[in-house]
N, C-alpha and C. Protein backbone atom coordinates (compact mmCIF):
# COMPACT_ATOMS: atom_id res chain seq x y z
N MET A 1 -12.81 7.91 -32.94
CA MET A 1 -13.98 7.42 -32.26
C MET A 1 -13.56 6.35 -31.25
N ILE A 2 -14.11 6.41 -30.05
CA ILE A 2 -13.79 5.43 -29.01
C ILE A 2 -14.76 4.26 -29.12
N GLN A 3 -14.19 3.08 -29.10
CA GLN A 3 -15.00 1.89 -29.18
C GLN A 3 -15.08 1.24 -27.81
N ILE A 4 -16.27 0.94 -27.36
CA ILE A 4 -16.44 0.28 -26.06
C ILE A 4 -16.54 -1.22 -26.31
N SER A 5 -15.66 -1.95 -25.69
CA SER A 5 -15.69 -3.39 -25.86
C SER A 5 -16.40 -4.04 -24.67
N GLU A 6 -16.69 -5.28 -24.83
CA GLU A 6 -17.34 -6.03 -23.74
C GLU A 6 -16.37 -6.18 -22.58
N PRO A 7 -16.90 -6.22 -21.36
CA PRO A 7 -16.01 -6.46 -20.22
C PRO A 7 -15.41 -7.86 -20.31
N ILE A 8 -14.19 -7.99 -19.83
CA ILE A 8 -13.53 -9.30 -19.84
C ILE A 8 -14.08 -10.10 -18.67
N THR A 9 -14.60 -11.25 -18.97
CA THR A 9 -15.12 -12.14 -17.92
C THR A 9 -14.13 -13.27 -17.71
N LEU A 10 -14.27 -13.94 -16.59
CA LEU A 10 -13.40 -15.06 -16.28
C LEU A 10 -13.55 -16.16 -17.33
N GLU A 11 -14.77 -16.36 -17.82
CA GLU A 11 -15.00 -17.39 -18.84
C GLU A 11 -14.23 -17.10 -20.12
N LYS A 12 -14.08 -15.82 -20.46
CA LYS A 12 -13.33 -15.45 -21.66
C LYS A 12 -11.82 -15.46 -21.41
N LEU A 13 -11.45 -15.15 -20.18
CA LEU A 13 -10.04 -15.03 -19.85
C LEU A 13 -9.34 -16.39 -19.67
N LEU A 14 -10.04 -17.34 -19.07
CA LEU A 14 -9.42 -18.65 -18.80
C LEU A 14 -8.87 -19.34 -20.05
N PRO A 15 -9.64 -19.42 -21.14
CA PRO A 15 -9.07 -20.07 -22.34
C PRO A 15 -7.81 -19.37 -22.85
N LEU A 16 -7.78 -18.04 -22.73
CA LEU A 16 -6.60 -17.30 -23.18
C LEU A 16 -5.40 -17.61 -22.29
N ILE A 17 -5.64 -17.69 -21.00
CA ILE A 17 -4.57 -18.01 -20.06
C ILE A 17 -4.04 -19.42 -20.30
N GLN A 18 -4.95 -20.36 -20.58
CA GLN A 18 -4.54 -21.74 -20.79
C GLN A 18 -3.68 -21.90 -22.04
N LYS A 19 -3.79 -20.96 -22.98
CA LYS A 19 -2.96 -21.01 -24.20
C LYS A 19 -1.55 -20.49 -23.97
N LEU A 20 -1.34 -19.81 -22.85
CA LEU A 20 0.00 -19.28 -22.55
C LEU A 20 0.95 -20.42 -22.25
N PRO A 21 2.24 -20.23 -22.56
CA PRO A 21 3.23 -21.23 -22.15
C PRO A 21 3.24 -21.36 -20.63
N LYS A 22 3.62 -22.52 -20.13
CA LYS A 22 3.60 -22.79 -18.70
C LYS A 22 4.37 -21.75 -17.89
N VAL A 23 5.52 -21.34 -18.39
CA VAL A 23 6.34 -20.35 -17.67
C VAL A 23 5.55 -19.05 -17.49
N GLU A 24 4.87 -18.60 -18.53
CA GLU A 24 4.10 -17.37 -18.45
C GLU A 24 2.88 -17.53 -17.54
N ARG A 25 2.26 -18.70 -17.58
CA ARG A 25 1.12 -18.97 -16.67
C ARG A 25 1.58 -18.92 -15.22
N ASP A 26 2.74 -19.51 -14.94
CA ASP A 26 3.28 -19.50 -13.58
C ASP A 26 3.60 -18.07 -13.13
N GLN A 27 4.17 -17.28 -14.03
CA GLN A 27 4.48 -15.89 -13.70
C GLN A 27 3.20 -15.10 -13.42
N LEU A 28 2.19 -15.33 -14.22
CA LEU A 28 0.90 -14.65 -14.02
C LEU A 28 0.28 -15.05 -12.68
N ARG A 29 0.33 -16.34 -12.37
CA ARG A 29 -0.21 -16.82 -11.09
C ARG A 29 0.50 -16.18 -9.92
N LYS A 30 1.84 -16.16 -9.98
CA LYS A 30 2.63 -15.55 -8.91
C LYS A 30 2.32 -14.07 -8.76
N SER A 31 2.18 -13.40 -9.88
CA SER A 31 1.87 -11.96 -9.87
C SER A 31 0.50 -11.71 -9.23
N LEU A 32 -0.48 -12.51 -9.59
CA LEU A 32 -1.82 -12.36 -9.02
C LEU A 32 -1.83 -12.68 -7.53
N GLU A 33 -1.08 -13.70 -7.13
CA GLU A 33 -1.00 -14.04 -5.71
C GLU A 33 -0.35 -12.91 -4.92
N ALA A 34 0.71 -12.35 -5.47
CA ALA A 34 1.41 -11.24 -4.79
C ALA A 34 0.49 -10.04 -4.66
N GLU A 35 -0.26 -9.74 -5.71
CA GLU A 35 -1.20 -8.61 -5.68
C GLU A 35 -2.30 -8.85 -4.66
N SER A 36 -2.78 -10.09 -4.58
CA SER A 36 -3.81 -10.42 -3.58
C SER A 36 -3.27 -10.28 -2.17
N GLN A 37 -2.05 -10.74 -1.95
CA GLN A 37 -1.41 -10.62 -0.63
C GLN A 37 -1.26 -9.15 -0.26
N LEU A 38 -0.83 -8.35 -1.22
CA LEU A 38 -0.65 -6.92 -0.97
C LEU A 38 -1.99 -6.26 -0.62
N ASP A 39 -3.02 -6.56 -1.40
CA ASP A 39 -4.34 -5.98 -1.13
C ASP A 39 -4.86 -6.39 0.24
N ALA A 40 -4.68 -7.64 0.61
CA ALA A 40 -5.13 -8.13 1.92
C ALA A 40 -4.35 -7.44 3.04
N ALA A 41 -3.05 -7.29 2.86
CA ALA A 41 -2.22 -6.64 3.87
C ALA A 41 -2.62 -5.17 4.05
N ILE A 42 -2.89 -4.49 2.94
CA ILE A 42 -3.31 -3.09 3.01
C ILE A 42 -4.65 -2.97 3.73
N LEU A 43 -5.56 -3.87 3.42
CA LEU A 43 -6.87 -3.85 4.08
C LEU A 43 -6.73 -4.05 5.59
N LEU A 44 -5.92 -5.01 5.99
CA LEU A 44 -5.70 -5.25 7.42
C LEU A 44 -5.08 -4.02 8.09
N TYR A 45 -4.16 -3.38 7.38
CA TYR A 45 -3.52 -2.17 7.90
C TYR A 45 -4.54 -1.04 8.05
N GLN A 46 -5.35 -0.84 7.03
CA GLN A 46 -6.36 0.22 7.07
C GLN A 46 -7.38 -0.01 8.19
N GLU A 47 -7.68 -1.26 8.46
CA GLU A 47 -8.64 -1.59 9.52
C GLU A 47 -7.99 -1.51 10.91
N GLY A 48 -6.69 -1.26 10.94
CA GLY A 48 -5.99 -1.15 12.22
C GLY A 48 -5.72 -2.49 12.88
N LYS A 49 -5.81 -3.55 12.11
CA LYS A 49 -5.60 -4.90 12.67
C LYS A 49 -4.13 -5.28 12.72
N VAL A 50 -3.31 -4.63 11.88
CA VAL A 50 -1.87 -4.89 11.87
C VAL A 50 -1.13 -3.57 11.73
N THR A 51 0.12 -3.56 12.16
CA THR A 51 0.97 -2.38 12.00
C THR A 51 1.48 -2.31 10.57
N LEU A 52 2.09 -1.18 10.24
CA LEU A 52 2.67 -1.02 8.91
C LEU A 52 3.74 -2.07 8.65
N GLY A 53 4.59 -2.30 9.64
CA GLY A 53 5.64 -3.30 9.49
C GLY A 53 5.09 -4.70 9.27
N ARG A 54 4.06 -5.05 10.03
CA ARG A 54 3.45 -6.38 9.89
C ARG A 54 2.74 -6.50 8.54
N ALA A 55 2.09 -5.44 8.10
CA ALA A 55 1.42 -5.47 6.79
C ALA A 55 2.44 -5.69 5.68
N ALA A 56 3.57 -5.02 5.78
CA ALA A 56 4.63 -5.21 4.79
C ALA A 56 5.12 -6.65 4.80
N GLU A 57 5.29 -7.18 6.00
CA GLU A 57 5.73 -8.57 6.14
C GLU A 57 4.71 -9.53 5.50
N LEU A 58 3.43 -9.30 5.75
CA LEU A 58 2.39 -10.14 5.15
C LEU A 58 2.37 -10.04 3.63
N ALA A 59 2.66 -8.84 3.13
CA ALA A 59 2.67 -8.62 1.68
C ALA A 59 3.95 -9.16 1.03
N GLY A 60 4.95 -9.45 1.87
CA GLY A 60 6.20 -9.97 1.34
C GLY A 60 7.09 -8.91 0.73
N ILE A 61 6.93 -7.66 1.22
CA ILE A 61 7.76 -6.57 0.71
C ILE A 61 8.34 -5.80 1.89
N HIS A 62 9.29 -4.92 1.61
CA HIS A 62 9.91 -4.10 2.64
C HIS A 62 8.93 -3.00 3.06
N ARG A 63 9.07 -2.55 4.28
CA ARG A 63 8.19 -1.51 4.83
C ARG A 63 8.18 -0.26 3.96
N PHE A 64 9.35 0.14 3.46
CA PHE A 64 9.43 1.33 2.62
C PHE A 64 8.70 1.14 1.30
N GLU A 65 8.73 -0.09 0.78
CA GLU A 65 7.98 -0.38 -0.45
C GLU A 65 6.48 -0.24 -0.20
N LEU A 66 6.03 -0.74 0.96
CA LEU A 66 4.61 -0.63 1.29
C LEU A 66 4.22 0.84 1.45
N GLU A 67 5.08 1.63 2.08
CA GLU A 67 4.80 3.06 2.22
C GLU A 67 4.63 3.71 0.85
N ALA A 68 5.47 3.33 -0.11
CA ALA A 68 5.38 3.88 -1.47
C ALA A 68 4.06 3.47 -2.12
N VAL A 69 3.66 2.22 -1.93
CA VAL A 69 2.39 1.74 -2.49
C VAL A 69 1.21 2.50 -1.88
N LEU A 70 1.25 2.69 -0.56
CA LEU A 70 0.18 3.43 0.11
C LEU A 70 0.09 4.85 -0.45
N LYS A 71 1.25 5.47 -0.65
CA LYS A 71 1.28 6.83 -1.19
C LYS A 71 0.68 6.85 -2.60
N GLU A 72 1.08 5.89 -3.44
CA GLU A 72 0.55 5.77 -4.81
C GLU A 72 -0.97 5.65 -4.81
N LYS A 73 -1.49 4.88 -3.86
CA LYS A 73 -2.93 4.63 -3.80
C LYS A 73 -3.68 5.72 -3.03
N GLY A 74 -2.94 6.71 -2.53
CA GLY A 74 -3.57 7.80 -1.79
C GLY A 74 -4.07 7.39 -0.42
N ILE A 75 -3.43 6.39 0.17
CA ILE A 75 -3.82 5.90 1.49
C ILE A 75 -2.89 6.51 2.53
N SER A 76 -3.48 7.18 3.51
CA SER A 76 -2.69 7.82 4.56
C SER A 76 -2.13 6.78 5.51
N LYS A 77 -0.91 7.08 5.98
CA LYS A 77 -0.32 6.21 7.00
C LYS A 77 -1.02 6.45 8.33
N ILE A 78 -1.09 5.43 9.12
CA ILE A 78 -1.68 5.51 10.45
C ILE A 78 -0.55 5.77 11.44
N ALA A 79 -0.73 6.79 12.27
CA ALA A 79 0.29 7.09 13.28
C ALA A 79 0.25 6.00 14.34
N GLU A 80 1.39 5.35 14.54
CA GLU A 80 1.47 4.26 15.52
C GLU A 80 2.20 4.77 16.75
N VAL A 81 1.47 4.93 17.84
CA VAL A 81 2.03 5.46 19.07
C VAL A 81 1.68 4.51 20.20
N ASP A 82 2.66 4.22 21.05
CA ASP A 82 2.43 3.25 22.11
C ASP A 82 1.84 3.83 23.39
N SER A 83 1.82 5.18 23.51
CA SER A 83 1.23 5.77 24.71
C SER A 83 0.82 7.21 24.45
N ASP A 84 -0.06 7.73 25.30
CA ASP A 84 -0.49 9.12 25.18
C ASP A 84 0.69 10.07 25.37
N GLU A 85 1.59 9.72 26.29
CA GLU A 85 2.74 10.57 26.56
C GLU A 85 3.63 10.69 25.32
N ASN A 86 3.86 9.57 24.65
CA ASN A 86 4.69 9.60 23.44
C ASN A 86 4.01 10.38 22.32
N LEU A 87 2.69 10.28 22.25
CA LEU A 87 1.94 11.05 21.26
C LEU A 87 2.10 12.54 21.52
N GLU A 88 1.91 12.94 22.76
CA GLU A 88 2.06 14.35 23.12
C GLU A 88 3.48 14.85 22.85
N ALA A 89 4.47 14.03 23.17
CA ALA A 89 5.87 14.41 22.92
C ALA A 89 6.12 14.58 21.42
N GLY A 90 5.58 13.70 20.64
CA GLY A 90 5.73 13.79 19.18
C GLY A 90 5.06 15.03 18.62
N ILE A 91 3.87 15.36 19.14
CA ILE A 91 3.17 16.57 18.70
C ILE A 91 3.97 17.81 19.06
N ALA A 92 4.55 17.82 20.25
CA ALA A 92 5.36 18.97 20.69
C ALA A 92 6.56 19.16 19.77
N VAL A 93 7.21 18.07 19.38
CA VAL A 93 8.37 18.16 18.48
C VAL A 93 7.93 18.73 17.12
N ILE A 94 6.82 18.26 16.62
CA ILE A 94 6.31 18.74 15.32
C ILE A 94 5.98 20.23 15.40
N ARG A 95 5.36 20.65 16.50
CA ARG A 95 5.03 22.07 16.67
C ARG A 95 6.29 22.93 16.69
N GLU A 96 7.32 22.47 17.39
CA GLU A 96 8.58 23.21 17.45
C GLU A 96 9.23 23.31 16.08
N LEU A 97 9.21 22.20 15.35
CA LEU A 97 9.78 22.21 13.99
C LEU A 97 9.00 23.16 13.10
N HIS A 98 7.70 23.15 13.23
CA HIS A 98 6.84 24.03 12.44
C HIS A 98 7.15 25.49 12.76
N LYS A 99 7.29 25.81 14.05
CA LYS A 99 7.61 27.18 14.47
C LYS A 99 8.95 27.63 13.89
N SER A 100 9.96 26.75 13.96
CA SER A 100 11.29 27.12 13.46
C SER A 100 11.27 27.28 11.95
N ASN A 101 10.45 26.49 11.24
CA ASN A 101 10.34 26.63 9.79
C ASN A 101 9.69 27.96 9.43
N ILE A 102 8.68 28.36 10.20
CA ILE A 102 8.00 29.63 9.92
C ILE A 102 8.96 30.79 10.14
N SER A 103 9.72 30.77 11.26
CA SER A 103 10.66 31.86 11.52
C SER A 103 11.76 31.91 10.48
N THR A 104 12.19 30.78 9.98
CA THR A 104 13.24 30.75 8.95
C THR A 104 12.70 31.34 7.64
N GLU A 105 11.45 31.03 7.31
CA GLU A 105 10.84 31.55 6.08
C GLU A 105 10.63 33.05 6.15
N GLU A 106 10.36 33.58 7.34
CA GLU A 106 10.10 35.01 7.50
C GLU A 106 11.38 35.83 7.36
N GLN A 107 12.54 35.22 7.58
CA GLN A 107 13.81 35.96 7.52
C GLN A 107 14.24 36.23 6.13
């Protein structure tokens, strides 16, 4: 049988946290701060206010780590292109790669 417990509120959580040794409280604080920074950086990235690289920098992690987090959370990467010409060139390369993959599979 599954038992549903009461939701944990801040009022219930604070006394438990205060009983932790100082080292563990500091680790918890740092972990929560890092998670908040990461969430804020992801939000800014999703809103298009910062690039992927800048979001990673704000989160205090490497760009590849942020890409992994985005993938875990099911968040699509935003294509960052500096001009219409570069976008078109990139699309053309993808189309060519796609065509060559299809011909290779058919053989």
